[in-house]
PDB file of all heavy atoms in Angstrom:
ATOM      1  N   ILE A   1       0.855  -1.198   0.000  1.00  0.00           N
ATOM      2  CA  ILE A   1       0.000   0.000   0.000  1.00  0.00           C
ATOM      3  C   ILE A   1       0.887   1.243   0.000  1.00  0.00           C
ATOM      4  O   ILE A   1       1.802   1.351   0.829  1.00  0.00           O
ATOM      5  CB  ILE A   1      -0.933  -0.013   1.225  1.00  0.00           C
ATOM      6  CG1 ILE A   1      -1.871  -1.226   1.151  1.00  0.00           C
ATOM      7  CG2 ILE A   1      -1.741   1.288   1.300  1.00  0.00           C
ATOM      8  CD1 ILE A   1      -2.782  -1.383   2.345  1.00  0.00           C
ATOM      9  N   PRO A   2       0.651   2.214  -0.914  1.00  0.00           N
ATOM     10  CA  PRO A   2       1.554   3.374  -1.034  1.00  0.00           C
ATOM     11  C   PRO A   2       1.447   4.374   0.108  1.00  0.00           C
ATOM     12  O   PRO A   2       2.329   5.208   0.286  1.00  0.00           O
ATOM     13  CB  PRO A   2       1.136   4.009  -2.357  1.00  0.00           C
ATOM     14  CG  PRO A   2      -0.287   3.594  -2.550  1.00  0.00           C
ATOM     15  CD  PRO A   2      -0.396   2.228  -1.951  1.00  0.00           C
ATOM     16  N   ASN A   3       0.393   4.321   0.891  1.00  0.00           N
ATOM     17  CA  ASN A   3       0.248   5.258   2.006  1.00  0.00           C
ATOM     18  C   ASN A   3       0.920   4.696   3.256  1.00  0.00           C
ATOM     19  O   ASN A   3       1.062   3.482   3.410  1.00  0.00           O
ATOM     20  CB  ASN A   3      -1.228   5.511   2.305  1.00  0.00           C
ATOM     21  CG  ASN A   3      -1.835   6.495   1.330  1.00  0.00           C
ATOM     22  OD1 ASN A   3      -1.240   6.813   0.321  1.00  0.00           O
ATOM     23  ND2 ASN A   3      -3.047   6.947   1.620  1.00  0.00           N
ATOM     24  N   PRO A   4       1.325   5.579   4.196  1.00  0.00           N
ATOM     25  CA  PRO A   4       1.882   5.080   5.456  1.00  0.00           C
ATOM     26  C   PRO A   4       0.854   4.225   6.197  1.00  0.00           C
ATOM     27  O   PRO A   4      -0.289   4.647   6.391  1.00  0.00           O
ATOM     28  CB  PRO A   4       2.207   6.364   6.237  1.00  0.00           C
ATOM     29  CG  PRO A   4       2.319   7.430   5.191  1.00  0.00           C
ATOM     30  CD  PRO A   4       1.344   7.057   4.130  1.00  0.00           C
ATOM     31  N   ILE A   5       1.274   3.027   6.623  1.00  0.00           N
ATOM     32  CA  ILE A   5       0.393   2.097   7.337  1.00  0.00           C
ATOM     33  C   ILE A   5       1.101   1.645   8.623  1.00  0.00           C
ATOM     34  O   ILE A   5       2.301   1.372   8.628  1.00  0.00           O
ATOM     35  CB  ILE A   5       0.083   0.858   6.475  1.00  0.00           C
ATOM     36  CG1 ILE A   5      -0.735   1.256   5.240  1.00  0.00           C
ATOM     37  CG2 ILE A   5      -0.683  -0.191   7.289  1.00  0.00           C
ATOM     38  CD1 ILE A   5      -2.156   1.634   5.529  1.00  0.00           C
ATOM     39  N   PHE A   6       0.350   1.563   9.705  1.00  0.00           N
ATOM     40  CA  PHE A   6       0.866   1.001  10.951  1.00  0.00           C
ATOM     41  C   PHE A   6      -0.222   0.153  11.593  1.00  0.00           C
ATOM     42  O   PHE A   6      -1.407   0.301  11.281  1.00  0.00           O
ATOM     43  CB  PHE A   6       1.305   2.111  11.924  1.00  0.00           C
ATOM     44  CG  PHE A   6       0.151   2.928  12.448  1.00  0.00           C
ATOM     45  CD1 PHE A   6      -0.566   2.503  13.567  1.00  0.00           C
ATOM     46  CD2 PHE A   6      -0.230   4.111  11.829  1.00  0.00           C
ATOM     47  CE1 PHE A   6      -1.640   3.232  14.055  1.00  0.00           C
ATOM     48  CE2 PHE A   6      -1.294   4.849  12.301  1.00  0.00           C
ATOM     49  CZ  PHE A   6      -2.004   4.414  13.425  1.00  0.00           C
ATOM     50  N   TYR A   7       0.202  -0.744  12.486  1.00  0.00           N
ATOM     51  CA  TYR A   7      -0.764  -1.458  13.321  1.00  0.00           C
ATOM     52  C   TYR A   7      -0.114  -1.682  14.673  1.00  0.00           C
ATOM     53  O   TYR A   7       1.101  -1.848  14.792  1.00  0.00           O
ATOM     54  CB  TYR A   7      -1.249  -2.759  12.679  1.00  0.00           C
ATOM     55  CG  TYR A   7      -0.196  -3.734  12.265  1.00  0.00           C
ATOM     56  CD1 TYR A   7       0.130  -4.823  13.064  1.00  0.00           C
ATOM     57  CD2 TYR A   7       0.468  -3.578  11.044  1.00  0.00           C
ATOM     58  CE1 TYR A   7       1.093  -5.736  12.680  1.00  0.00           C
ATOM     59  CE2 TYR A   7       1.430  -4.484  10.652  1.00  0.00           C
ATOM     60  CZ  TYR A   7       1.751  -5.570  11.468  1.00  0.00           C
ATOM     61  OH  TYR A   7       2.708  -6.467  11.082  1.00  0.00           O
ATOM     62  N   LYS A   8      -0.944  -1.641  15.719  1.00  0.00           N
ATOM     63  CA  LYS A   8      -0.450  -1.712  17.091  1.00  0.00           C
ATOM     64  C   LYS A   8      -1.498  -2.376  17.963  1.00  0.00           C
ATOM     65  O   LYS A   8      -2.672  -2.525  17.559  1.00  0.00           O
ATOM     66  CB  LYS A   8      -0.142  -0.310  17.605  1.00  0.00           C
ATOM     67  CG  LYS A   8      -1.332   0.637  17.588  1.00  0.00           C
ATOM     68  CD  LYS A   8      -0.939   2.054  17.983  1.00  0.00           C
ATOM     69  CE  LYS A   8      -2.153   2.975  17.943  1.00  0.00           C
ATOM     70  NZ  LYS A   8      -1.800   4.360  18.325  1.00  0.00           N
ATOM     71  N   ASP A   9      -1.075  -2.771  19.162  1.00  0.00           N
ATOM     72  CA  ASP A   9      -2.025  -3.407  20.066  1.00  0.00           C
ATOM     73  C   ASP A   9      -2.851  -2.347  20.777  1.00  0.00           C
ATOM     74  O   ASP A   9      -2.621  -1.139  20.610  1.00  0.00           O
ATOM     75  CB  ASP A   9      -1.311  -4.332  21.053  1.00  0.00           C
ATOM     76  CG  ASP A   9      -0.332  -3.587  21.959  1.00  0.00           C
ATOM     77  OD1 ASP A   9      -0.518  -2.360  22.170  1.00  0.00           O
ATOM     78  OD2 ASP A   9       0.618  -4.216  22.447  1.00  0.00           O
ATOM     79  N   LEU A  10      -3.775  -2.805  21.573  1.00  0.00           N
ATOM     80  CA  LEU A  10      -4.673  -1.858  22.233  1.00  0.00           C
ATOM     81  C   LEU A  10      -3.952  -0.995  23.258  1.00  0.00           C
ATOM     82  O   LEU A  10      -4.452   0.061  23.647  1.00  0.00           O
ATOM     83  CB  LEU A  10      -5.818  -2.629  22.913  1.00  0.00           C
ATOM     84  CG  LEU A  10      -6.776  -3.348  21.963  1.00  0.00           C
ATOM     85  CD1 LEU A  10      -7.829  -4.124  22.762  1.00  0.00           C
ATOM     86  CD2 LEU A  10      -7.441  -2.372  21.018  1.00  0.00           C
ATOM     87  N   GLY A  11      -2.752  -1.408  23.675  1.00  0.00           N
ATOM     88  CA  GLY A  11      -1.974  -0.597  24.604  1.00  0.00           C
ATOM     89  C   GLY A  11      -1.126   0.453  23.925  1.00  0.00           C
ATOM     90  O   GLY A  11      -0.409   1.199  24.602  1.00  0.00           O
ATOM     91  N   GLY A  12      -1.180   0.508  22.600  1.00  0.00           N
ATOM     92  CA  GLY A  12      -0.429   1.521  21.873  1.00  0.00           C
ATOM     93  C   GLY A  12       0.962   1.083  21.473  1.00  0.00           C
ATOM     94  O   GLY A  12       1.756   1.897  20.990  1.00  0.00           O
ATOM     95  N   MET A  13       1.314  -0.214  21.604  1.00  0.00           N
ATOM     96  CA  MET A  13       2.624  -0.721  21.220  1.00  0.00           C
ATOM     97  C   MET A  13       2.580  -1.120  19.749  1.00  0.00           C
ATOM     98  O   MET A  13       1.699  -1.874  19.324  1.00  0.00           O
ATOM     99  CB  MET A  13       3.005  -1.931  22.080  1.00  0.00           C
ATOM    100  CG  MET A  13       4.477  -2.294  22.002  1.00  0.00           C
ATOM    101  SD  MET A  13       5.492  -1.099  22.884  1.00  0.00           S
ATOM    102  CE  MET A  13       4.977  -1.440  24.573  1.00  0.00           C
ATOM    103  N   TYR A  14       3.549  -0.605  18.964  1.00  0.00           N
ATOM    104  CA  TYR A  14       3.566  -0.884  17.534  1.00  0.00           C
ATOM    105  C   TYR A  14       3.902  -2.346  17.286  1.00  0.00           C
ATOM    106  O   TYR A  14       4.905  -2.880  17.799  1.00  0.00           O
ATOM    107  CB  TYR A  14       4.581   0.003  16.811  1.00  0.00           C
ATOM    108  CG  TYR A  14       4.071   1.421  16.581  1.00  0.00           C
ATOM    109  CD1 TYR A  14       4.647   2.495  17.240  1.00  0.00           C
ATOM    110  CD2 TYR A  14       3.020   1.658  15.703  1.00  0.00           C
ATOM    111  CE1 TYR A  14       4.183   3.784  17.042  1.00  0.00           C
ATOM    112  CE2 TYR A  14       2.543   2.936  15.494  1.00  0.00           C
ATOM    113  CZ  TYR A  14       3.116   4.007  16.170  1.00  0.00           C
ATOM    114  OH  TYR A  14       2.647   5.264  15.972  1.00  0.00           O
ATOM    115  N   LEU A  15       3.068  -3.015  16.504  1.00  0.00           N
ATOM    116  CA  LEU A  15       3.285  -4.396  16.107  1.00  0.00           C
ATOM    117  C   LEU A  15       3.943  -4.482  14.745  1.00  0.00           C
ATOM    118  O   LEU A  15       4.611  -5.471  14.433  1.00  0.00           O
ATOM    119  CB  LEU A  15       1.955  -5.153  16.081  1.00  0.00           C
ATOM    120  CG  LEU A  15       1.170  -5.176  17.402  1.00  0.00           C
ATOM    121  CD1 LEU A  15      -0.173  -5.868  17.200  1.00  0.00           C
ATOM    122  CD2 LEU A  15       1.976  -5.856  18.497  1.00  0.00           C
ATOM    123  N   GLY A  16       3.748  -3.455  13.926  1.00  0.00           N
ATOM    124  CA  GLY A  16       4.339  -3.448  12.596  1.00  0.00           C
ATOM    125  C   GLY A  16       3.944  -2.205  11.827  1.00  0.00           C
ATOM    126  O   GLY A  16       3.071  -1.427  12.233  1.00  0.00           O
ATOM    127  N   CYS A  17       4.612  -1.992  10.697  1.00  0.00           N
ATOM    128  CA  CYS A  17       4.318  -0.844   9.818  1.00  0.00           C
ATOM    129  C   CYS A  17       4.953  -1.100   8.467  1.00  0.00           C
ATOM    130  O   CYS A  17       5.776  -2.013   8.307  1.00  0.00           O
ATOM    131  CB  CYS A  17       4.852   0.447  10.422  1.00  0.00           C
ATOM    132  SG  CYS A  17       6.666   0.517  10.522  1.00  0.00           S
ATOM    133  N   ASN A  18       4.597  -0.326   7.497  1.00  0.00           N
ATOM    134  CA  ASN A  18       5.276  -0.428   6.203  1.00  0.00           C
ATOM    135  C   ASN A  18       6.409   0.586   6.130  1.00  0.00           C
ATOM    136  O   ASN A  18       6.559   1.455   6.998  1.00  0.00           O
ATOM    137  CB  ASN A  18       4.287  -0.275   5.045  1.00  0.00           C
ATOM    138  CG  ASN A  18       3.629   1.104   5.017  1.00  0.00           C
ATOM    139  OD1 ASN A  18       3.909   1.963   5.859  1.00  0.00           O
ATOM    140  ND2 ASN A  18       2.738   1.306   4.053  1.00  0.00           N
ATOM    141  N   LYS A  19       7.199   0.487   5.082  1.00  0.00           N
ATOM    142  CA  LYS A  19       8.376   1.346   4.963  1.00  0.00           C
ATOM    143  C   LYS A  19       7.977   2.804   4.768  1.00  0.00           C
ATOM    144  O   LYS A  19       8.688   3.724   5.189  1.00  0.00           O
ATOM    145  CB  LYS A  19       9.249   0.877   3.797  1.00  0.00           C
ATOM    146  CG  LYS A  19      10.614   1.579   3.731  1.00  0.00           C
ATOM    147  CD  LYS A  19      11.469   0.988   2.636  1.00  0.00           C
ATOM    148  CE  LYS A  19      12.862   1.618   2.676  1.00  0.00           C
ATOM    149  NZ  LYS A  19      12.835   3.069   2.508  1.00  0.00           N
ATOM    150  N   VAL A  20       6.849   3.028   4.123  1.00  0.00           N
ATOM    151  CA  VAL A  20       6.395   4.413   3.917  1.00  0.00           C
ATOM    152  C   VAL A  20       6.172   5.092   5.266  1.00  0.00           C
ATOM    153  O   VAL A  20       6.522   6.261   5.459  1.00  0.00           O
ATOM    154  CB  VAL A  20       5.106   4.440   3.073  1.00  0.00           C
ATOM    155  CG1 VAL A  20       4.638   5.879   2.845  1.00  0.00           C
ATOM    156  CG2 VAL A  20       5.325   3.738   1.746  1.00  0.00           C
ATOM    157  N   PHE A  21       5.634   4.357   6.234  1.00  0.00           N
ATOM    158  CA  PHE A  21       5.403   4.914   7.565  1.00  0.00           C
ATOM    159  C   PHE A  21       6.723   5.205   8.274  1.00  0.00           C
ATOM    160  O   PHE A  21       6.900   6.263   8.897  1.00  0.00           O
ATOM    161  CB  PHE A  21       4.559   3.940   8.391  1.00  0.00           C
ATOM    162  CG  PHE A  21       4.255   4.411   9.781  1.00  0.00           C
ATOM    163  CD1 PHE A  21       3.245   5.321  10.017  1.00  0.00           C
ATOM    164  CD2 PHE A  21       4.994   3.939  10.875  1.00  0.00           C
ATOM    165  CE1 PHE A  21       2.961   5.764  11.302  1.00  0.00           C
ATOM    166  CE2 PHE A  21       4.727   4.376  12.163  1.00  0.00           C
ATOM    167  CZ  PHE A  21       3.701   5.291  12.371  1.00  0.00           C
ATOM    168  N   SER A  22       7.665   4.245   8.217  1.00  0.00           N
ATOM    169  CA  SER A  22       8.954   4.460   8.876  1.00  0.00           C
ATOM    170  C   SER A  22       9.714   5.617   8.243  1.00  0.00           C
ATOM    171  O   SER A  22      10.379   6.393   8.932  1.00  0.00           O
ATOM    172  CB  SER A  22       9.794   3.172   8.840  1.00  0.00           C
ATOM    173  OG  SER A  22      10.125   2.825   7.495  1.00  0.00           O
ATOM    174  N   ASP A  23       9.618   5.750   6.920  1.00  0.00           N
ATOM    175  CA  ASP A  23      10.262   6.891   6.252  1.00  0.00           C
ATOM    176  C   ASP A  23       9.630   8.206   6.698  1.00  0.00           C
ATOM    177  O   ASP A  23      10.309   9.227   6.829  1.00  0.00           O
ATOM    178  CB  ASP A  23      10.146   6.745   4.731  1.00  0.00           C
ATOM    179  CG  ASP A  23      11.020   5.628   4.190  1.00  0.00           C
ATOM    180  OD1 ASP A  23      11.937   5.189   4.925  1.00  0.00           O
ATOM    181  OD2 ASP A  23      10.783   5.194   3.041  1.00  0.00           O
ATOM    182  N   MET A  24       8.330   8.196   6.912  1.00  0.00           N
ATOM    183  CA  MET A  24       7.643   9.408   7.355  1.00  0.00           C
ATOM    184  C   MET A  24       8.177   9.864   8.714  1.00  0.00           C
ATOM    185  O   MET A  24       8.329  11.062   8.965  1.00  0.00           O
ATOM    186  CB  MET A  24       6.138   9.148   7.437  1.00  0.00           C
ATOM    187  CG  MET A  24       5.308  10.352   7.859  1.00  0.00           C
ATOM    188  SD  MET A  24       3.546   9.956   7.999  1.00  0.00           S
ATOM    189  CE  MET A  24       3.552   9.073   9.564  1.00  0.00           C
ATOM    190  N   LEU A  25       8.507   8.884   9.612  1.00  0.00           N
ATOM    191  CA  LEU A  25       9.036   9.232  10.927  1.00  0.00           C
ATOM    192  C   LEU A  25      10.550   9.384  10.930  1.00  0.00           C
ATOM    193  O   LEU A  25      11.120   9.846  11.927  1.00  0.00           O
ATOM    194  CB  LEU A  25       8.642   8.158  11.949  1.00  0.00           C
ATOM    195  CG  LEU A  25       7.142   7.967  12.204  1.00  0.00           C
ATOM    196  CD1 LEU A  25       6.927   6.940  13.303  1.00  0.00           C
ATOM    197  CD2 LEU A  25       6.469   9.274  12.570  1.00  0.00           C
ATOM    198  N   GLY A  26      11.200   8.994   9.830  1.00  0.00           N
ATOM    199  CA  GLY A  26      12.656   9.085   9.767  1.00  0.00           C
ATOM    200  C   GLY A  26      13.342   8.018  10.600  1.00  0.00           C
ATOM    201  O   GLY A  26      14.467   8.235  11.090  1.00  0.00           O
ATOM    202  N   LEU A  27      12.689   6.847  10.770  1.00  0.00           N
ATOM    203  CA  LEU A  27      13.252   5.752  11.553  1.00  0.00           C
ATOM    204  C   LEU A  27      13.278   4.466  10.724  1.00  0.00           C
ATOM    205  O   LEU A  27      12.612   4.363   9.689  1.00  0.00           O
ATOM    206  CB  LEU A  27      12.400   5.520  12.819  1.00  0.00           C
ATOM    207  CG  LEU A  27      12.307   6.680  13.817  1.00  0.00           C
ATOM    208  CD1 LEU A  27      11.263   6.345  14.884  1.00  0.00           C
ATOM    209  CD2 LEU A  27      13.651   6.977  14.448  1.00  0.00           C
ATOM    210  N   ARG A  28      14.039   3.493  11.205  1.00  0.00           N
ATOM    211  CA  ARG A  28      14.009   2.182  10.585  1.00  0.00           C
ATOM    212  C   ARG A  28      12.795   1.414  11.102  1.00  0.00           C
ATOM    213  O   ARG A  28      12.347   1.626  12.229  1.00  0.00           O
ATOM    214  CB  ARG A  28      15.289   1.406  10.893  1.00  0.00           C
ATOM    215  CG  ARG A  28      16.561   2.058  10.340  1.00  0.00           C
ATOM    216  CD  ARG A  28      17.766   1.181  10.625  1.00  0.00           C
ATOM    217  NE  ARG A  28      17.879   0.898  12.061  1.00  0.00           N
ATOM    218  CZ  ARG A  28      18.740   0.022  12.561  1.00  0.00           C
ATOM    219  NH1 ARG A  28      19.550  -0.664  11.752  1.00  0.00           N
ATOM    220  NH2 ARG A  28      18.783  -0.176  13.873  1.00  0.00           N
ATOM    221  N   GLN A  29      12.311   0.491  10.281  1.00  0.00           N
ATOM    222  CA  GLN A  29      11.138  -0.268  10.678  1.00  0.00           C
ATOM    223  C   GLN A  29      11.396  -1.059  11.958  1.00  0.00           C
ATOM    224  O   GLN A  29      10.546  -1.120  12.854  1.00  0.00           O
ATOM    225  CB  GLN A  29      10.711  -1.214   9.554  1.00  0.00           C
ATOM    226  CG  GLN A  29      10.028  -0.507   8.388  1.00  0.00           C
ATOM    227  CD  GLN A  29       9.688  -1.461   7.261  1.00  0.00           C
ATOM    228  OE1 GLN A  29      10.544  -1.796   6.457  1.00  0.00           O
ATOM    229  NE2 GLN A  29       8.433  -1.900   7.230  1.00  0.00           N
ATOM    230  N   GLU A  30      12.593  -1.633  12.080  1.00  0.00           N
ATOM    231  CA  GLU A  30      12.875  -2.434  13.263  1.00  0.00           C
ATOM    232  C   GLU A  30      12.962  -1.590  14.528  1.00  0.00           C
ATOM    233  O   GLU A  30      12.784  -2.100  15.650  1.00  0.00           O
ATOM    234  CB  GLU A  30      14.178  -3.235  13.064  1.00  0.00           C
ATOM    235  CG  GLU A  30      15.376  -2.398  12.678  1.00  0.00           C
ATOM    236  CD  GLU A  30      15.572  -2.344  11.163  1.00  0.00           C
ATOM    237  OE1 GLU A  30      14.542  -2.406  10.423  1.00  0.00           O
ATOM    238  OE2 GLU A  30      16.726  -2.252  10.720  1.00  0.00           O
ATOM    239  N   ASP A  31      13.278  -0.268  14.349  1.00  0.00           N
ATOM    240  CA  ASP A  31      13.332   0.613  15.526  1.00  0.00           C
ATOM    241  C   ASP A  31      11.944   1.045  15.990  1.00  0.00           C
ATOM    242  O   ASP A  31      11.798   1.608  17.087  1.00  0.00           O
ATOM    243  CB  ASP A  31      14.183   1.851  15.225  1.00  0.00           C
ATOM    244  CG  ASP A  31      15.647   1.505  15.001  1.00  0.00           C
ATOM    245  OD1 ASP A  31      16.085   0.484  15.541  1.00  0.00           O
ATOM    246  OD2 ASP A  31      16.331   2.260  14.265  1.00  0.00           O
TER     247      ASP A  31
END
């Protein structure tokens, strides 16, 4: 998906994201 995508648990902990999202934050996906 070309748009930034993320998913997280109900406590707000990130479970995953696409590269577009990590680029938007200026971080690596694993970080």
